[in-house]
Amino acid sequence: MADNISNNNLSQIIKEQFSSSQFVEQLAKSIVSSDIFINSIINVIKEATEKQQEQIGQLTQHAMESQLNTVVMRVNDHDQYKKRKDLLIYGIPFQSDENVTVLVIDLMSKVGLQLTKNDFYGIHRLLSSKNSQNKSRQAIIVGLL
């Protein structure tokens, strides 16, 4: 019983001492002036900052890749949309001094279409494929506005 009373008294004395403003002030000064404490805080902050920087880098790269993919898809869609008005003409033999614009306008007039060079955004021969037997029969692509 005496041990219990003495433990209670000791416990009460410790609580009072540790909760005194003078003890708390001295403890805080000791901790703040401790090089070990300061270095530990610096290391914790550095580790947290490095992890956040890594996460920011990963998120930034992911966002940039996502935006790039979106732009590439839009460009592809735009190219496909633009090509919906393209016309491929096969079977017209290549002539060394030909003007494909005049050739196409003449061909269109023969089928009843009156077009001018202002109706096209581009007319040219496509390169012949490597497997093509007849290099002189390259297709003509007509880009209509």
Protein backbone atom coordinates (compact mmCIF):
# COMPACT_ATOMS: atom_id res chain seq x y z
CA MET A 1 0.00 0.00 0.00
CA ALA A 2 2.86 2.35 0.87
CA ASP A 3 4.40 1.58 -2.51
CA ASN A 4 1.14 2.52 -4.20
CA ILE A 5 0.95 5.84 -2.36
CA SER A 6 4.59 6.58 -3.09
CA ASN A 7 4.04 5.71 -6.81
CA ASN A 8 1.00 8.01 -6.93
CA ASN A 9 2.98 10.81 -5.29
CA LEU A 10 5.91 10.23 -7.66
CA SER A 11 3.54 10.19 -10.63
CA GLN A 12 1.93 13.42 -9.47
CA ILE A 13 5.33 15.10 -8.98
CA ILE A 14 6.47 14.02 -12.50
CA LYS A 15 3.24 15.31 -14.08
CA GLU A 16 3.56 18.64 -12.32
CA GLN A 17 7.22 18.99 -13.22
CA PHE A 18 6.73 18.03 -16.90
CA SER A 19 3.73 20.31 -17.31
CA SER A 20 5.41 23.35 -15.80
CA SER A 21 6.05 26.14 -18.28
CA GLN A 22 9.68 26.39 -17.20
CA PHE A 23 10.34 22.68 -17.99
CA VAL A 24 8.49 22.86 -21.32
CA GLU A 25 10.45 26.00 -22.29
CA GLN A 26 13.79 24.38 -21.43
CA LEU A 27 12.86 21.19 -23.27
CA ALA A 28 11.83 23.17 -26.38
CA LYS A 29 15.07 25.16 -26.32
CA SER A 30 17.09 21.95 -26.00
CA ILE A 31 15.29 20.29 -28.88
CA VAL A 32 15.49 23.31 -31.19
CA SER A 33 19.17 23.86 -30.50
CA SER A 34 20.00 20.19 -31.06
CA ASP A 35 21.91 19.56 -34.32
CA ILE A 36 20.59 16.00 -34.40
CA PHE A 37 16.99 17.24 -34.20
CA ILE A 38 17.53 19.94 -36.87
CA ASN A 39 19.28 17.48 -39.24
CA SER A 40 16.48 14.95 -38.71
CA ILE A 41 13.86 17.56 -39.61
CA ILE A 42 15.89 18.60 -42.67
CA ASN A 43 16.15 14.97 -43.82
CA VAL A 44 12.42 14.37 -43.36
CA ILE A 45 11.62 17.52 -45.37
CA LYS A 46 14.10 16.60 -48.12
CA GLU A 47 12.64 13.08 -48.47
CA ALA A 48 9.09 14.41 -48.61
CA THR A 49 10.09 17.08 -51.15
CA GLU A 50 11.91 14.56 -53.36
CA LYS A 51 8.88 12.24 -53.35
CA GLN A 52 6.58 15.13 -54.26
CA GLN A 53 8.91 16.30 -57.03
CA GLU A 54 8.98 12.77 -58.45
CA GLN A 55 5.19 12.57 -58.33
CA ILE A 56 4.90 16.00 -60.00
CA GLY A 57 7.30 14.87 -62.73
CA GLN A 58 5.33 11.68 -63.35
CA LEU A 59 2.02 13.53 -63.43
CA THR A 60 3.41 16.20 -65.72
CA GLN A 61 4.79 13.61 -68.13
CA HIS A 62 1.51 11.68 -68.08
CA ALA A 63 -0.46 14.89 -68.75
CA MET A 64 1.86 15.86 -71.62
CA GLU A 65 1.62 12.38 -73.17
CA SER A 66 -2.15 12.49 -72.86
CA GLN A 67 -2.31 15.94 -74.49
CA LEU A 68 0.04 14.83 -77.26
CA ASN A 69 -2.11 11.76 -77.94
CA THR A 70 -5.19 13.97 -78.08
CA VAL A 71 -3.51 16.35 -80.54
CA VAL A 72 -2.29 13.46 -82.71
CA MET A 73 -5.81 11.97 -82.79
CA ARG A 74 -7.31 15.34 -83.72
CA VAL A 75 -4.77 15.87 -86.49
CA ASN A 76 -5.49 12.37 -87.83
CA ASP A 77 -9.24 13.02 -87.66
CA HIS A 78 -8.77 16.35 -89.43
CA ASP A 79 -6.62 14.74 -92.13
CA GLN A 80 -9.20 12.03 -92.66
CA TYR A 81 -12.00 14.60 -92.77
CA LYS A 82 -10.06 16.69 -95.27
CA LYS A 83 -9.42 13.63 -97.47
CA ARG A 84 -13.09 12.76 -97.75
CA LYS A 85 -13.28 15.14 -100.71
CA ASP A 86 -10.17 13.74 -102.41
CA LEU A 87 -10.59 11.95 -105.70
CA LEU A 88 -8.16 9.35 -107.07
CA ILE A 89 -8.00 9.01 -110.83
CA TYR A 90 -6.37 5.88 -112.27
CA GLY A 91 -5.52 4.89 -115.82
CA ILE A 92 -4.29 8.17 -117.29
CA PRO A 93 -0.85 7.55 -118.79
CA PHE A 94 2.01 9.74 -117.61
CA GLN A 95 3.37 12.28 -120.11
CA SER A 96 6.66 14.03 -119.44
CA ASP A 97 5.36 17.54 -120.19
CA GLU A 98 1.89 17.14 -118.67
CA ASN A 99 0.02 19.70 -116.60
CA VAL A 100 -2.16 17.56 -114.33
CA THR A 101 -4.39 20.50 -113.40
CA VAL A 102 -5.32 21.11 -117.04
CA LEU A 103 -5.63 17.37 -117.61
CA VAL A 104 -8.10 16.99 -114.70
CA ILE A 105 -10.13 20.08 -115.67
CA ASP A 106 -10.42 18.69 -119.23
CA LEU A 107 -11.45 15.29 -117.92
CA MET A 108 -14.08 16.83 -115.64
CA SER A 109 -15.52 18.90 -118.48
CA LYS A 110 -15.88 15.70 -120.57
CA VAL A 111 -18.08 14.22 -117.85
CA GLY A 112 -20.15 17.41 -117.57
CA LEU A 113 -18.48 19.18 -114.65
CA GLN A 114 -17.31 22.74 -115.20
CA LEU A 115 -14.48 23.28 -112.74
CA THR A 116 -11.57 25.72 -112.52
CA LYS A 117 -8.25 25.49 -110.74
CA ASN A 118 -9.84 27.48 -107.87
CA ASP A 119 -12.06 24.46 -107.12
CA PHE A 120 -9.04 22.42 -105.98
CA TYR A 121 -6.60 22.72 -103.11
CA GLY A 122 -4.18 20.44 -104.86
CA ILE A 123 -3.71 18.14 -107.83
CA HIS A 124 -0.69 15.94 -108.36
CA ARG A 125 0.40 12.46 -109.31
CA LEU A 126 1.00 9.96 -106.56
CA LEU A 127 4.34 8.20 -106.48
CA SER A 128 4.16 4.79 -108.05
CA SER A 129 4.41 1.87 -105.69
CA LYS A 130 7.51 -0.29 -105.60
CA ASN A 131 5.45 -3.29 -106.69
CA SER A 132 3.87 -1.49 -109.65
CA GLN A 133 4.64 -3.10 -113.02
CA ASN A 134 3.87 0.06 -115.02
CA LYS A 135 5.58 3.16 -113.61
CA SER A 136 3.98 5.35 -116.30
CA ARG A 137 0.45 4.87 -114.92
CA GLN A 138 0.67 6.73 -111.65
CA ALA A 139 -2.66 7.71 -110.07
CA ILE A 140 -3.64 11.38 -109.87
CA ILE A 141 -4.98 12.69 -106.58
CA VAL A 142 -7.42 15.60 -106.79
CA GLY A 143 -8.07 17.58 -103.61
CA LEU A 144 -11.45 19.27 -103.95
CA LEU A 145 -12.40 22.29 -101.89
